[in-house]
Protein backbone atom coordinates (compact mmCIF):
# COMPACT_ATOMS: atom_id res chain seq x y z
CA MET A 1 112.37 108.90 141.54
CA PHE A 2 114.64 106.23 140.08
CA ILE A 3 113.99 102.65 138.99
CA ALA A 4 116.79 100.09 138.93
CA ALA A 5 117.00 96.40 138.02
CA LEU A 6 119.67 93.94 139.14
CA ASN A 7 120.49 90.53 137.69
CA ALA A 8 119.26 87.37 139.43
CA SER A 9 122.32 87.11 141.66
CA GLY A 10 122.20 90.77 142.62
CA SER A 11 125.76 91.26 141.44
CA GLN A 12 125.22 93.44 138.38
CA LEU A 13 123.10 96.43 137.45
CA VAL A 14 120.88 95.68 134.43
CA TYR A 15 119.58 99.23 134.14
CA ALA A 16 118.80 102.34 136.15
CA THR A 17 116.60 105.21 135.06
CA TYR A 18 114.90 108.27 136.45
CA PHE A 19 111.10 108.61 136.38
CA ASN A 20 110.26 112.18 137.27
CA GLY A 21 106.91 113.37 138.62
CA ILE A 22 106.06 110.26 140.64
CA ASP A 23 105.46 110.62 144.37
CA LEU A 24 105.04 107.01 145.47
CA VAL A 25 105.34 103.55 143.89
CA GLU A 26 102.46 101.51 145.31
CA ALA A 27 103.07 98.24 143.43
CA LEU A 28 105.66 96.59 141.18
CA PHE A 29 105.42 93.37 139.19
CA PRO A 30 107.83 91.94 136.57
CA ASP A 31 106.58 89.70 133.76
CA SER A 32 108.34 86.63 132.34
CA GLU A 33 110.09 88.72 129.67
CA GLY A 34 111.66 91.13 132.14
CA ASN A 35 109.23 93.99 131.53
CA LEU A 36 108.22 95.86 134.66
CA TYR A 37 104.71 96.98 135.59
CA LEU A 38 104.47 99.97 137.92
CA GLY A 39 101.43 101.15 139.85
CA VAL A 40 102.17 104.61 141.21
CA ARG A 41 100.43 107.55 142.84
CA THR A 42 100.87 111.25 142.27
CA GLU A 43 99.86 113.86 144.82
CA ASN A 44 99.85 116.87 142.52
CA LEU A 45 98.77 117.68 138.99
CA VAL A 46 101.75 116.53 136.95
CA ASP A 47 102.48 115.88 133.30
CA LEU A 48 103.44 112.21 133.03
CA PRO A 49 104.04 110.43 129.69
CA LEU A 50 101.08 108.59 128.16
CA VAL A 51 101.41 105.65 125.78
CA ASN A 52 98.16 104.12 124.44
CA PRO A 53 96.23 105.52 127.44
CA LEU A 54 92.90 104.10 128.55
CA VAL A 55 89.78 105.98 127.46
CA GLY A 56 87.95 108.05 130.08
CA MET A 57 90.91 108.48 132.43
CA ALA A 58 92.34 111.82 133.55
CA PRO A 59 94.72 113.13 136.21
CA SER A 60 93.71 115.04 139.34
CA ILE A 61 95.45 116.23 142.49
CA GLU A 62 95.81 112.61 143.66
CA SER A 63 95.83 110.03 140.87
CA ALA A 64 96.80 106.44 140.15
CA TYR A 65 99.09 105.93 137.18
CA LEU A 66 99.96 102.63 135.53
CA ALA A 67 102.97 102.00 133.29
CA LYS A 68 104.85 99.13 131.65
CA LEU A 69 108.60 99.60 131.29
CA ASN A 70 110.54 97.44 128.83
CA ALA A 71 113.19 94.95 129.92
CA THR A 72 116.09 97.34 129.29
CA GLY A 73 114.49 100.28 131.09
CA SER A 74 114.70 102.39 127.94
CA ALA A 75 111.05 102.82 126.89
CA LEU A 76 107.46 102.72 128.11
CA LEU A 77 105.37 100.07 126.35
CA PHE A 78 102.17 101.61 127.68
CA ALA A 79 101.27 104.21 130.28
CA SER A 80 97.90 105.54 131.44
CA TRP A 81 96.13 107.28 134.26
CA LEU A 82 93.74 105.09 136.29
CA ASN A 83 91.48 107.85 137.47
CA GLY A 84 88.13 109.29 136.45
CA PRO A 85 87.97 113.06 135.83
CA GLY A 86 87.91 114.88 139.17
CA ALA A 87 88.34 111.70 141.21
CA ARG A 88 91.16 110.55 143.48
CA SER A 89 92.65 107.10 143.14
CA GLN A 90 95.51 104.77 143.98
CA VAL A 91 96.89 101.38 142.93
CA ASN A 92 97.19 98.75 145.68
CA ALA A 93 98.37 95.56 143.97
CA LEU A 94 99.30 94.06 140.59
CA THR A 95 99.80 90.60 139.15
CA VAL A 96 100.30 88.99 135.73
CA ASP A 97 98.96 85.68 134.41
CA GLY A 98 100.74 83.12 132.25
CA SER A 99 99.63 84.86 129.05
CA GLY A 100 101.01 88.23 130.15
CA ASN A 101 97.65 89.80 130.98
CA LEU A 102 97.81 92.36 133.78
CA TYR A 103 95.44 92.49 136.76
CA VAL A 104 95.30 95.58 138.93
CA THR A 105 93.30 96.57 141.99
CA GLY A 106 93.12 99.82 143.90
CA GLY A 107 90.73 102.32 145.40
CA CYS A 108 89.17 105.59 144.36
CA ASN A 109 86.74 108.21 145.61
CA SER A 110 84.95 111.16 144.14
CA PRO A 111 82.44 113.72 145.42
CA ALA A 112 81.22 114.56 141.92
CA VAL A 113 82.02 111.80 139.43
CA GLU A 114 80.27 108.43 139.47
CA PRO A 115 81.93 105.99 139.16
CA CYS A 116 85.38 107.23 140.07
CA VAL A 117 86.97 104.96 137.45
CA PRO A 118 85.22 103.90 134.22
CA THR A 119 83.69 100.41 134.19
CA THR A 120 82.99 98.10 131.26
CA PRO A 121 79.67 96.61 130.06
CA GLY A 122 78.74 93.48 132.03
CA ALA A 123 80.89 94.41 135.02
CA PHE A 124 79.94 92.85 138.34
CA GLN A 125 79.42 96.32 139.87
CA SER A 126 79.22 99.48 137.80
CA SER A 127 78.01 102.05 140.35
CA MET A 128 79.34 103.22 143.70
CA LYS A 129 77.47 102.48 146.94
CA GLY A 130 79.30 105.15 148.91
CA PRO A 131 81.89 107.90 148.49
CA SER A 132 84.71 105.44 147.80
CA THR A 133 85.14 102.03 146.20
CA MET A 134 87.61 99.34 145.27
CA TYR A 135 88.18 98.61 141.58
CA VAL A 136 89.52 95.57 139.72
CA MET A 137 90.79 95.69 136.13
CA LYS A 138 92.25 93.29 133.58
CA LEU A 139 94.44 94.57 130.73
CA THR A 140 96.10 92.81 127.81
CA PRO A 141 99.93 92.77 127.56
CA ASP A 142 99.78 95.86 125.32
CA GLY A 143 97.57 97.76 127.78
CA ALA A 144 94.10 97.34 126.24
CA LEU A 145 91.30 97.17 128.80
CA VAL A 146 89.56 93.77 128.99
CA PHE A 147 87.26 94.59 131.89
CA SER A 148 86.87 97.05 134.74
CA THR A 149 84.56 96.53 137.70
CA LEU A 150 83.95 97.99 141.13
CA LEU A 151 83.75 95.83 144.26
CA SER A 152 82.53 97.47 147.44
CA GLY A 153 79.79 98.21 149.91
CA SER A 154 78.95 101.63 151.29
CA GLY A 155 82.08 101.89 153.44
CA TYR A 156 85.80 102.05 152.87
CA GLY A 157 88.41 99.43 152.16
CA GLY A 158 90.60 97.84 149.59
CA ALA A 159 92.64 94.81 148.61
CA VAL A 160 96.24 94.30 149.70
CA GLY A 161 96.73 91.41 147.30
CA ILE A 162 95.49 90.09 143.97
CA GLN A 163 96.16 86.63 142.50
CA VAL A 164 94.97 84.73 139.41
CA GLY A 165 94.08 81.05 139.67
CA ALA A 166 94.54 78.28 137.12
CA ASP A 167 90.87 78.68 136.16
CA GLY A 168 91.34 82.38 135.39
CA GLY A 169 89.48 83.52 138.49
CA ILE A 170 90.78 86.57 140.32
CA VAL A 171 91.26 86.30 144.09
CA LEU A 172 91.54 89.41 146.24
CA ALA A 173 91.99 89.95 149.97
CA GLY A 174 92.09 93.01 152.19
CA ASP A 175 89.93 94.80 154.69
CA VAL A 176 86.73 96.84 154.81
CA ILE A 177 85.54 99.54 157.21
CA SER A 178 81.97 100.72 157.70
CA ALA A 179 80.76 104.03 156.26
CA GLY A 180 80.50 105.62 159.71
CA GLU A 181 79.24 105.41 163.26
CA GLY A 182 76.31 103.04 163.57
CA GLN A 183 76.66 101.84 159.99
CA PRO A 184 76.97 98.10 159.33
CA LEU A 185 79.56 96.40 157.19
CA ASP A 186 77.81 95.66 153.89
CA PHE A 187 80.57 94.36 151.63
CA PRO A 188 79.08 91.99 149.01
CA VAL A 189 79.33 88.36 150.14
CA THR A 190 78.03 85.10 148.65
CA ALA A 191 75.41 82.91 150.30
CA ALA A 192 77.53 79.81 150.99
CA ALA A 193 80.71 81.65 151.97
CA PHE A 194 82.62 80.79 155.13
CA GLN A 195 81.56 83.95 157.00
CA THR A 196 78.60 85.85 155.60
CA THR A 197 78.15 88.36 158.42
CA ALA A 198 80.53 90.59 160.34
CA LEU A 199 79.25 91.13 163.88
CA LYS A 200 81.38 93.84 165.43
CA ARG A 201 81.40 95.39 168.88
CA ASP A 202 82.96 98.65 167.71
CA PRO A 203 80.02 100.95 166.83
CA ILE A 204 82.17 103.77 165.45
CA SER A 205 84.31 102.23 162.71
CA PRO A 206 84.07 98.42 162.61
CA GLU A 207 86.70 96.75 160.43
CA SER A 208 86.96 93.23 159.03
CA GLY A 209 89.10 91.26 156.62
CA PHE A 210 87.65 89.91 153.39
CA ILE A 211 88.58 87.36 150.75
CA ALA A 212 86.78 87.38 147.39
CA LYS A 213 87.04 85.71 144.01
CA LEU A 214 85.75 87.15 140.74
CA ASP A 215 85.24 85.02 137.66
CA GLY A 216 87.63 85.53 134.75
CA SER A 217 85.31 87.97 133.01
CA GLY A 218 84.86 90.25 136.02
CA SER A 219 81.10 89.84 135.76
CA SER A 220 80.25 87.73 138.83
CA LEU A 221 81.49 86.72 142.26
CA VAL A 222 82.58 83.11 142.58
CA TYR A 223 82.75 83.61 146.34
CA SER A 224 83.17 86.42 148.83
CA THR A 225 83.54 86.13 152.59
CA TYR A 226 84.38 88.18 155.62
CA PHE A 227 87.19 86.96 157.86
CA GLY A 228 87.37 88.28 161.39
CA GLY A 229 86.10 88.18 164.94
CA SER A 230 84.05 90.68 166.90
CA LEU A 231 86.73 93.37 167.19
CA ASN A 232 88.76 95.00 164.41
CA ASP A 233 90.83 92.74 162.16
CA SER A 234 92.53 93.12 158.79
CA ILE A 235 94.22 90.98 156.16
CA THR A 236 97.74 92.02 155.22
CA GLY A 237 98.94 89.51 152.60
CA LEU A 238 97.64 86.99 150.04
CA ALA A 239 98.95 84.05 148.00
CA LEU A 240 97.41 81.06 146.18
CA ASP A 241 98.66 77.53 146.74
CA SER A 242 98.76 74.76 144.13
CA ARG A 243 95.16 73.72 144.94
CA GLY A 244 93.77 77.20 144.47
CA HIS A 245 93.35 77.79 148.19
CA ALA A 246 93.75 81.38 149.33
CA VAL A 247 96.57 81.62 151.87
CA PHE A 248 96.53 84.88 153.81
CA SER A 249 98.11 86.71 156.71
CA GLY A 250 96.61 89.36 158.90
CA SER A 251 96.53 91.28 162.12
CA ALA A 252 93.75 90.87 164.69
CA VAL A 253 92.52 92.47 167.87
CA SER A 254 89.67 89.96 168.13
CA PRO A 255 90.23 87.17 170.69
CA ASP A 256 87.50 85.21 168.88
CA LEU A 257 89.14 85.29 165.46
CA PRO A 258 88.19 82.01 163.73
CA THR A 259 90.94 79.40 164.10
CA THR A 260 90.97 75.69 163.36
CA ALA A 261 91.25 72.83 165.86
CA ASP A 262 94.79 72.04 164.69
CA ALA A 263 95.95 75.66 165.00
CA TRP A 264 99.55 76.12 166.02
CA GLN A 265 98.31 78.81 168.42
CA PRO A 266 94.51 78.80 168.83
CA CYS A 267 94.25 81.65 171.33
CA HIS A 268 94.91 85.36 171.03
CA PRO A 269 98.14 85.92 172.97
CA PRO A 270 98.53 88.56 175.69
CA PRO A 271 98.60 91.42 176.46
CA ASN A 272 94.95 92.07 177.09
CA PHE A 273 93.07 92.44 173.80
CA ALA A 274 90.81 95.06 175.40
CA ILE A 275 93.55 97.69 175.09
CA GLY A 276 93.87 97.09 171.37
CA ALA A 277 96.74 94.61 171.18
CA TYR A 278 97.16 93.19 167.68
CA ALA A 279 98.35 89.66 167.00
CA ASP A 280 99.47 88.26 163.66
CA PHE A 281 97.61 85.33 162.12
CA ILE A 282 97.83 83.03 159.11
CA GLY A 283 94.90 81.34 157.36
CA GLN A 284 93.97 79.14 154.43
CA LEU A 285 90.56 79.19 152.72
CA SER A 286 89.24 76.44 150.44
CA SER A 287 89.06 77.10 146.70
CA ASP A 288 85.26 77.49 146.86
CA GLY A 289 85.45 80.01 149.71
CA GLN A 290 83.23 77.92 151.98
CA THR A 291 85.65 76.18 154.35
CA LEU A 292 88.41 77.42 156.59
CA VAL A 293 91.14 74.84 155.92
CA TYR A 294 93.54 76.22 158.50
CA ALA A 295 93.88 79.31 160.68
CA SER A 296 96.11 80.11 163.60
CA PHE A 297 97.47 83.03 165.52
CA VAL A 298 101.17 83.28 164.87
CA ASP A 299 101.99 85.33 167.94
CA ILE A 300 101.60 88.78 169.38
CA GLY A 301 102.73 91.41 166.91
CA ALA A 302 105.89 91.89 168.98
CA THR A 303 107.26 88.34 168.57
CA LEU A 304 107.74 85.97 165.63
CA PRO A 305 107.55 82.16 165.97
CA ASP A 306 111.34 81.88 166.18
CA GLY A 307 111.44 84.39 169.04
CA THR A 308 112.44 87.43 166.98
CA PRO A 309 111.22 90.45 169.00
CA ASP A 310 109.48 93.65 167.97
CA SER A 311 108.09 92.39 164.66
CA THR A 312 105.01 92.43 162.54
CA LEU A 313 104.46 89.71 159.97
CA THR A 314 103.06 89.89 156.42
CA LEU A 315 102.76 87.04 153.92
CA ILE A 316 104.45 87.99 150.65
CA GLY A 317 104.52 84.69 148.76
CA ILE A 318 104.38 80.91 148.60
CA ASP A 319 106.66 78.67 146.53
CA ALA A 320 106.07 75.39 144.70
CA ALA A 321 107.07 73.39 147.79
CA GLY A 322 104.48 75.19 149.91
CA ASP A 323 106.99 77.19 151.93
CA LEU A 324 105.60 80.52 153.11
CA TYR A 325 107.58 83.76 152.85
CA PHE A 326 106.94 86.52 155.36
CA LEU A 327 108.15 90.09 155.55
CA GLY A 328 108.66 91.21 159.11
CA PHE A 329 109.58 94.57 160.53
CA GLN A 330 111.68 95.40 163.53
CA PRO A 331 112.44 98.97 164.60
CA GLY A 332 114.93 100.23 162.06
CA PHE A 333 114.95 97.43 159.50
CA TYR A 334 113.00 94.74 157.65
CA ILE A 335 113.53 90.98 157.88
CA LEU A 336 112.64 88.21 155.45
CA GLN A 337 111.68 84.78 156.77
CA ARG A 338 110.69 81.48 155.23
CA TYR A 339 108.64 78.93 157.15
CA ARG A 340 107.40 75.39 156.62
CA MET A 341 104.67 73.61 158.57
CA THR A 342 106.21 70.25 159.55
CA ALA A 343 103.53 68.92 161.90
CA ARG A 344 100.28 69.98 163.49
CA PRO A 345 99.07 69.72 167.08
CA THR A 346 96.66 66.94 167.93
CA GLY A 347 94.03 66.59 170.64
CA SER A 348 91.57 69.09 172.07
CA ALA A 349 92.17 72.63 173.22
CA ALA A 350 90.26 75.54 174.67
CA CYS A 351 91.29 79.07 175.51
CA ILE A 352 91.13 80.04 179.18
CA ALA A 353 89.73 83.41 180.23
CA SER A 354 91.25 85.37 183.06
CA ALA A 355 89.09 86.25 186.04
CA THR A 356 88.91 89.90 185.04
CA ASP A 357 88.98 89.79 181.26
CA GLY A 358 86.41 87.21 180.21
CA TYR A 359 84.98 87.63 176.73
CA GLU A 360 81.75 86.28 175.29
CA SER A 361 81.76 86.13 171.52
CA PRO A 362 78.73 86.97 169.33
CA VAL A 363 80.42 85.62 166.21
CA VAL A 364 79.50 82.27 164.65
CA PRO A 365 80.65 79.87 163.37
CA LEU A 366 83.83 79.62 165.41
CA GLY A 367 84.24 75.94 166.27
CA LEU A 368 85.61 76.80 169.71
CA MET A 369 84.73 79.77 171.87
CA ARG A 370 87.66 82.18 171.74
CA ILE A 371 88.21 84.20 174.88
CA ARG A 372 91.04 86.22 176.34
CA GLY A 373 94.20 84.47 177.44
CA ASN A 374 96.95 82.39 175.93
CA ALA A 375 96.70 79.42 178.26
CA VAL A 376 95.58 76.21 176.58
CA ALA A 377 93.43 73.64 178.40
CA GLY A 378 92.92 70.06 177.31
CA ALA A 379 94.96 67.06 176.24
CA ARG A 380 96.95 68.46 173.36
CA ALA A 381 100.29 67.49 171.90
CA MET A 382 102.23 70.70 171.20
CA SER A 383 105.43 69.58 169.51
CA PRO A 384 107.26 72.27 167.48
CA THR A 385 105.19 72.74 164.34
CA LEU A 386 106.65 75.75 162.58
CA THR A 387 110.30 75.43 161.59
CA MET A 388 112.73 77.45 159.55
CA ALA A 389 113.07 76.21 155.97
CA GLY A 390 116.57 77.13 154.87
CA THR A 391 118.49 80.35 155.29
CA LEU A 392 118.13 83.73 153.70
CA PRO A 393 121.28 85.72 154.51
CA THR A 394 121.05 89.29 153.35
CA THR A 395 121.68 92.90 154.23
CA TYR A 396 118.80 95.22 155.07
CA ARG A 397 118.78 98.99 154.94
CA SER A 398 116.27 101.43 156.32
CA GLU A 399 116.16 105.18 156.78
CA GLU A 400 117.43 104.85 160.33
CA HIS A 401 119.81 101.90 160.37
CA THR A 402 121.91 99.62 158.21
CA SER A 403 122.31 96.21 159.83
CA GLU A 404 123.84 92.88 158.93
CA LEU A 405 121.42 90.24 160.20
CA GLN A 406 122.27 86.63 160.82
CA SER A 407 120.50 84.09 158.65
CA ARG A 408 117.09 83.44 160.10
């Protein structure tokens, strides 16, 4: 594998280096000094360099590995396995705070070792409730472990994003799946959270999104909530806005996914959800995890708000102006889009069920009953509410195609 860095304009190569023995880079994050953090996964027993490694970690046939590469690409500042002896693990997401501390989350499982990554005294969760778990760690800029905690129920799941707020709290979002047929979702949630239960119609492998916030010491949950309807839903991206609200994207089968009254698109779009059609959504949760500030379907997974076909949509960031950045995918190439909410619909709305595909939701609270169909009933002003915010001309390359796209 190789790692390369370009200057800010993309016109000059800063460095390029090989990094042998790595199978897959799961996460990358640069710090303010130009150093690069890498979260990678190996799928064989390999001999990777270690620099000030963490105590109690060891490689296995599938292991997470964490490294910090200096700004010139010439040396590792620290490097360590993130894996208990005999376990299997991976890194899902990284971020860095203003002091240069590193936050990492991933997943691990082990049939023989408990826990599958070492935890620290006072951790929120130090033992596994099932065969796999999510972990959250904080490290100093030189790679010393500040805390390590688990965060899971008895099932499977993990975070797709990790962010650090101004108060030092650590916000995570992702999805959870039950431990097996007939097993409930039992991810840890807090009493006053927006959605404390996940009522699912799928008895085999129910799946729901989650959003959680740990305190800065990793010892307690500030809030933790499910986010989903009565079918299978997942969260795909996470950012924090200037007020500490969690902004997230996701993909939903549920026609009764919670949305707000001012949603740009309150109803799950066609085709029929019963055949497993996913639709993208965007949401915003209050800083205390108790209130859904905003949530809307964006559109069926095959169409973006500007009419771009054959796309899926994932939130990858938010800027100081509040513009949202999405990564979309069309067959053969990726697209990058930036959106700004310029207005919101007013008036009342309700989703209309078809004669053959009515849907009664067991999930509360929802505000409005969400049932199949994309027709909207009621007196509702639907002026254009999601507009393009500037242009992002670029060239995209994939394994199958190289395409010049017009600015979107």
